[in-house]
Amino acid sequence: MKELFNIYCDESCHLEHDRQKAMAIGGVWCPEERKDEIFRRIREIKVEHGLSRWMEIK
């Protein structure tokens, strides 16, 4: 069976709305079977640093 990967992408701003000269686009990927483990660990790290576990981070 082929291994599946999840890909997550985001941009830093919308040039015409934020009046910025540059835009950054980033992405990460992970094996699908590790997604839940990675999401759990990211939420733990947020809480360890006093952030809401549901807060969006960049």
N, C-alpha and C. Protein backbone atom coordinates (compact mmCIF):
# COMPACT_ATOMS: atom_id res chain seq x y z
N MET A 1 0.84 -1.17 0.00
CA MET A 1 0.00 0.00 0.00
C MET A 1 0.90 1.25 0.00
N LYS A 2 0.45 2.28 -0.71
CA LYS A 2 1.21 3.53 -0.76
C LYS A 2 1.05 4.32 0.52
N GLU A 3 2.12 4.98 0.93
CA GLU A 3 2.09 5.82 2.12
C GLU A 3 1.44 7.17 1.76
N LEU A 4 0.53 7.64 2.62
CA LEU A 4 -0.13 8.92 2.41
C LEU A 4 0.52 10.01 3.25
N PHE A 5 0.57 11.22 2.71
CA PHE A 5 1.12 12.36 3.41
C PHE A 5 0.09 13.48 3.46
N ASN A 6 0.05 14.19 4.57
CA ASN A 6 -0.77 15.40 4.68
C ASN A 6 0.16 16.58 4.44
N ILE A 7 -0.32 17.57 3.68
CA ILE A 7 0.44 18.77 3.38
C ILE A 7 -0.36 19.97 3.88
N TYR A 8 0.31 20.85 4.64
CA TYR A 8 -0.32 22.05 5.20
C TYR A 8 0.45 23.27 4.70
N CYS A 9 -0.27 24.24 4.13
CA CYS A 9 0.35 25.45 3.58
C CYS A 9 -0.34 26.68 4.14
N ASP A 10 0.40 27.80 4.19
CA ASP A 10 -0.18 29.07 4.64
C ASP A 10 0.67 30.20 4.08
N GLU A 11 0.05 31.37 3.94
CA GLU A 11 0.77 32.55 3.50
C GLU A 11 0.84 33.56 4.64
N SER A 12 1.79 34.48 4.57
CA SER A 12 2.02 35.42 5.66
C SER A 12 1.07 36.61 5.61
N CYS A 13 0.61 36.97 4.43
CA CYS A 13 -0.28 38.14 4.31
C CYS A 13 -0.88 38.16 2.92
N HIS A 14 -1.83 39.04 2.74
CA HIS A 14 -2.38 39.31 1.41
C HIS A 14 -1.88 40.68 1.02
N LEU A 15 -1.03 40.74 0.02
CA LEU A 15 -0.32 41.98 -0.32
C LEU A 15 -1.24 43.17 -0.49
N GLU A 16 -2.32 43.01 -1.24
CA GLU A 16 -3.18 44.16 -1.51
C GLU A 16 -3.96 44.61 -0.28
N HIS A 17 -4.18 43.72 0.68
CA HIS A 17 -4.93 44.08 1.88
C HIS A 17 -4.03 44.54 3.02
N ASP A 18 -2.84 43.99 3.13
CA ASP A 18 -1.94 44.31 4.24
C ASP A 18 -0.91 45.38 3.89
N ARG A 19 -0.87 45.79 2.64
CA ARG A 19 0.05 46.82 2.17
C ARG A 19 1.51 46.49 2.48
N GLN A 20 1.86 45.24 2.31
CA GLN A 20 3.23 44.77 2.53
C GLN A 20 3.93 44.61 1.18
N LYS A 21 5.25 44.75 1.17
CA LYS A 21 6.02 44.60 -0.06
C LYS A 21 6.34 43.14 -0.38
N ALA A 22 6.25 42.30 0.62
CA ALA A 22 6.63 40.90 0.42
C ALA A 22 5.61 39.97 1.05
N MET A 23 5.54 38.78 0.50
CA MET A 23 4.67 37.74 1.04
C MET A 23 5.52 36.47 1.19
N ALA A 24 5.32 35.76 2.28
CA ALA A 24 6.00 34.48 2.47
C ALA A 24 4.96 33.36 2.41
N ILE A 25 5.32 32.30 1.75
CA ILE A 25 4.46 31.12 1.68
C ILE A 25 5.25 29.96 2.25
N GLY A 26 4.65 29.25 3.18
CA GLY A 26 5.34 28.13 3.81
C GLY A 26 4.47 26.89 3.82
N GLY A 27 5.11 25.77 4.04
CA GLY A 27 4.37 24.53 4.10
C GLY A 27 5.15 23.47 4.87
N VAL A 28 4.41 22.53 5.39
CA VAL A 28 5.00 21.36 6.05
C VAL A 28 4.24 20.13 5.61
N TRP A 29 4.85 18.99 5.74
CA TRP A 29 4.17 17.74 5.42
C TRP A 29 4.49 16.73 6.50
N CYS A 30 3.60 15.75 6.65
CA CYS A 30 3.83 14.67 7.60
C CYS A 30 3.10 13.42 7.12
N PRO A 31 3.60 12.25 7.52
CA PRO A 31 2.88 11.02 7.20
C PRO A 31 1.50 11.06 7.85
N GLU A 32 0.49 10.65 7.12
CA GLU A 32 -0.89 10.71 7.59
C GLU A 32 -1.07 9.97 8.92
N GLU A 33 -0.40 8.86 9.10
CA GLU A 33 -0.59 8.07 10.33
C GLU A 33 0.01 8.75 11.57
N ARG A 34 0.83 9.79 11.39
CA ARG A 34 1.43 10.50 12.53
C ARG A 34 0.74 11.83 12.84
N LYS A 35 -0.26 12.22 12.02
CA LYS A 35 -0.93 13.51 12.16
C LYS A 35 -1.47 13.74 13.56
N ASP A 36 -2.21 12.81 14.12
CA ASP A 36 -2.80 13.00 15.45
C ASP A 36 -1.73 13.19 16.52
N GLU A 37 -0.67 12.42 16.45
CA GLU A 37 0.44 12.54 17.40
C GLU A 37 1.09 13.92 17.29
N ILE A 38 1.32 14.40 16.08
CA ILE A 38 1.94 15.70 15.86
C ILE A 38 1.03 16.82 16.34
N PHE A 39 -0.26 16.76 16.01
CA PHE A 39 -1.22 17.77 16.47
C PHE A 39 -1.26 17.83 17.99
N ARG A 40 -1.27 16.66 18.65
CA ARG A 40 -1.29 16.60 20.12
C ARG A 40 -0.06 17.27 20.70
N ARG A 41 1.10 16.97 20.14
CA ARG A 41 2.35 17.54 20.66
C ARG A 41 2.40 19.05 20.46
N ILE A 42 1.94 19.54 19.31
CA ILE A 42 1.91 20.99 19.07
C ILE A 42 1.02 21.67 20.10
N ARG A 43 -0.15 21.09 20.40
CA ARG A 43 -1.04 21.67 21.42
C ARG A 43 -0.36 21.67 22.78
N GLU A 44 0.38 20.62 23.13
CA GLU A 44 1.10 20.57 24.40
C GLU A 44 2.15 21.68 24.48
N ILE A 45 2.88 21.91 23.40
CA ILE A 45 3.91 22.95 23.38
C ILE A 45 3.28 24.32 23.58
N LYS A 46 2.14 24.58 22.94
CA LYS A 46 1.44 25.86 23.12
C LYS A 46 1.11 26.08 24.60
N VAL A 47 0.54 25.07 25.24
CA VAL A 47 0.15 25.19 26.65
C VAL A 47 1.39 25.40 27.52
N GLU A 48 2.48 24.69 27.23
CA GLU A 48 3.72 24.85 28.00
C GLU A 48 4.23 26.29 27.96
N HIS A 49 3.89 27.03 26.91
CA HIS A 49 4.35 28.41 26.75
C HIS A 49 3.25 29.42 27.05
N GLY A 50 2.20 28.97 27.72
CA GLY A 50 1.14 29.87 28.17
C GLY A 50 0.16 30.32 27.10
N LEU A 51 0.10 29.60 26.01
CA LEU A 51 -0.83 29.93 24.94
C LEU A 51 -2.04 29.00 24.98
N SER A 52 -3.12 29.46 24.40
CA SER A 52 -4.29 28.59 24.25
C SER A 52 -3.94 27.44 23.31
N ARG A 53 -4.39 26.26 23.63
CA ARG A 53 -4.11 25.11 22.76
C ARG A 53 -4.76 25.25 21.40
N TRP A 54 -5.73 26.16 21.26
CA TRP A 54 -6.44 26.36 19.99
C TRP A 54 -5.96 27.60 19.24
N MET A 55 -5.00 28.34 19.81
CA MET A 55 -4.50 29.56 19.17
C MET A 55 -3.73 29.21 17.90
N GLU A 56 -3.92 30.02 16.84
CA GLU A 56 -3.15 29.82 15.63
C GLU A 56 -1.76 30.40 15.84
N ILE A 57 -0.74 29.63 15.51
CA ILE A 57 0.64 30.10 15.62
C ILE A 57 1.27 30.05 14.24
N LYS A 58 2.31 30.82 14.05
CA LYS A 58 3.02 30.86 12.77
C LYS A 58 4.43 30.39 12.96
